[in-house]
Protein backbone atom coordinates (compact mmCIF):
# COMPACT_ATOMS: atom_id res chain seq x y z
CA UNK A 1 59.36 83.55 115.87
CA UNK A 2 61.90 82.70 118.54
CA UNK A 3 61.28 83.28 122.24
CA UNK A 4 63.49 86.39 122.44
CA UNK A 5 61.72 87.91 119.42
CA UNK A 6 58.34 87.32 121.06
CA UNK A 7 59.49 88.82 124.34
CA UNK A 8 60.94 91.85 122.54
CA UNK A 9 57.64 92.36 120.75
CA UNK A 10 55.85 92.07 124.10
CA UNK A 11 57.98 94.72 125.84
CA UNK A 12 57.77 97.13 122.89
CA UNK A 13 54.13 96.74 121.80
CA UNK A 14 52.79 95.51 125.18
CA UNK A 15 50.78 92.88 123.29
CA UNK A 16 51.01 89.39 121.83
CA UNK A 17 48.28 87.86 119.69
CA UNK A 18 46.85 84.38 120.36
CA UNK A 19 49.21 82.46 118.03
CA UNK A 20 52.22 84.28 119.53
CA UNK A 21 51.04 83.43 123.05
CA UNK A 22 50.71 79.79 122.03
CA UNK A 23 54.27 79.79 120.68
CA UNK A 24 55.53 81.42 123.90
CA UNK A 25 53.60 78.75 125.80
CA UNK A 26 53.78 80.22 129.30
CA UNK A 27 51.64 82.26 131.65
CA UNK A 28 54.62 84.09 133.10
CA UNK A 29 58.18 84.93 132.10
CA UNK A 30 61.24 85.56 134.20
CA UNK A 31 62.05 89.10 135.14
CA UNK A 32 65.68 88.41 134.13
CA UNK A 33 64.69 87.64 130.53
CA UNK A 34 62.64 90.80 130.23
CA UNK A 35 65.30 92.92 131.96
CA UNK A 36 67.96 91.71 129.51
CA UNK A 37 65.79 92.80 126.57
CA UNK A 38 65.03 96.17 128.15
CA UNK A 39 68.74 96.69 128.86
CA UNK A 40 69.74 95.83 125.28
CA UNK A 41 67.11 98.19 123.82
CA UNK A 42 68.08 100.96 126.27
CA UNK A 43 71.75 100.60 125.29
CA UNK A 44 70.86 100.64 121.58
CA UNK A 45 68.32 103.49 121.60
CA UNK A 46 69.34 105.54 124.64
CA UNK A 47 65.72 105.40 125.79
CA UNK A 48 63.20 102.72 126.68
CA UNK A 49 60.50 102.25 125.50
CA UNK A 50 61.86 103.28 122.09
CA UNK A 51 58.92 105.64 121.43
CA UNK A 52 59.20 107.44 124.77
CA UNK A 53 60.56 110.95 125.14
CA UNK A 54 60.28 113.92 127.44
CA UNK A 55 57.36 116.13 126.52
CA UNK A 56 57.91 119.15 124.27
CA UNK A 57 55.28 121.88 123.76
CA UNK A 58 53.03 121.12 120.79
CA UNK A 59 53.60 117.34 121.01
CA UNK A 60 51.50 114.66 122.66
CA UNK A 61 52.68 113.63 126.08
CA UNK A 62 54.17 110.14 126.35
CA UNK A 63 52.35 108.84 129.41
CA UNK A 64 53.97 106.49 131.87
CA UNK A 65 57.44 105.54 133.04
CA UNK A 66 60.49 105.51 130.76
CA UNK A 67 64.26 105.16 131.00
CA UNK A 68 66.80 107.58 129.51
CA UNK A 69 70.58 107.16 129.40
CA UNK A 70 72.28 110.33 130.60
CA UNK A 71 75.59 111.69 129.23
CA UNK A 72 77.00 111.24 132.75
CA UNK A 73 76.46 107.48 132.49
CA UNK A 74 73.55 107.52 134.91
CA UNK A 75 70.11 106.28 133.93
CA UNK A 76 67.07 108.45 134.55
CA UNK A 77 63.74 106.85 135.36
CA UNK A 78 61.22 109.48 134.32
CA UNK A 79 57.46 109.57 134.31
CA UNK A 80 54.91 111.96 132.98
CA UNK A 81 51.19 112.19 132.42
CA UNK A 82 49.01 114.38 130.30
CA UNK A 83 46.05 116.55 131.21
CA UNK A 84 42.91 114.38 131.50
CA UNK A 85 41.19 116.11 128.56
CA UNK A 86 44.13 117.27 126.47
CA UNK A 87 46.99 114.87 125.59
CA UNK A 88 49.07 117.83 124.36
CA UNK A 89 49.27 119.38 127.84
CA UNK A 90 51.68 118.05 130.45
CA UNK A 91 49.88 117.64 133.78
CA UNK A 92 52.62 116.11 135.91
CA UNK A 93 56.12 114.68 135.70
CA UNK A 94 58.99 113.46 137.82
CA UNK A 95 62.24 111.54 137.66
CA UNK A 96 64.92 109.71 139.63
CA UNK A 97 68.52 109.13 138.59
CA UNK A 98 70.29 105.81 139.09
CA UNK A 99 74.01 105.08 139.01
CA UNK A 100 73.28 101.42 138.28
CA UNK A 101 71.43 100.54 135.05
CA UNK A 102 70.17 97.23 136.45
CA UNK A 103 68.64 98.99 139.46
CA UNK A 104 66.95 101.52 137.15
CA UNK A 105 65.52 98.74 134.98
CA UNK A 106 64.31 96.79 138.01
CA UNK A 107 62.56 99.88 139.39
CA UNK A 108 61.02 100.64 135.97
CA UNK A 109 59.69 97.10 135.67
CA UNK A 110 58.21 97.08 139.18
CA UNK A 111 56.47 100.41 138.61
CA UNK A 112 55.29 99.88 135.03
CA UNK A 113 54.68 96.13 134.90
CA UNK A 114 53.88 95.10 138.49
CA UNK A 115 50.79 93.26 137.20
CA UNK A 116 52.54 91.77 134.17
CA UNK A 117 52.40 92.73 130.52
CA UNK A 118 49.18 92.07 128.57
CA UNK A 119 48.14 89.33 130.98
CA UNK A 120 51.55 87.64 130.97
CA UNK A 121 52.96 87.63 134.47
CA UNK A 122 56.50 88.54 135.44
CA UNK A 123 58.16 86.47 138.14
CA UNK A 124 59.81 89.03 140.46
CA UNK A 125 61.10 86.37 142.83
CA UNK A 126 64.72 87.50 142.56
CA UNK A 127 66.62 90.68 141.88
CA UNK A 128 67.93 91.43 138.42
């Protein structure tokens, strides 16, 4: 696997196995690399992570932060969580709209991955 493939797997599955970590060969990755992958997947799918979606009655609640491209061209950073005992019940939700996709992605990454992804740190030393 190439580096970009490994990083894409990391941002989608939130996990790399031991051989994949050895191939990646680092303890942290640049925020710019991860942001570029998130941006590409958001542009392709209209939502990131690809399995995220606003809750609908009768479905399980996707829990956490996610990005959604709006018809207006803005990007919505949404979050939701389920009831502590019932994953089919929405307990709380919120959102913020961004005119700038890079700003939305940066905010998503700081909120969702401030401690890294699966033990792999993100270097937030510069803006995206």
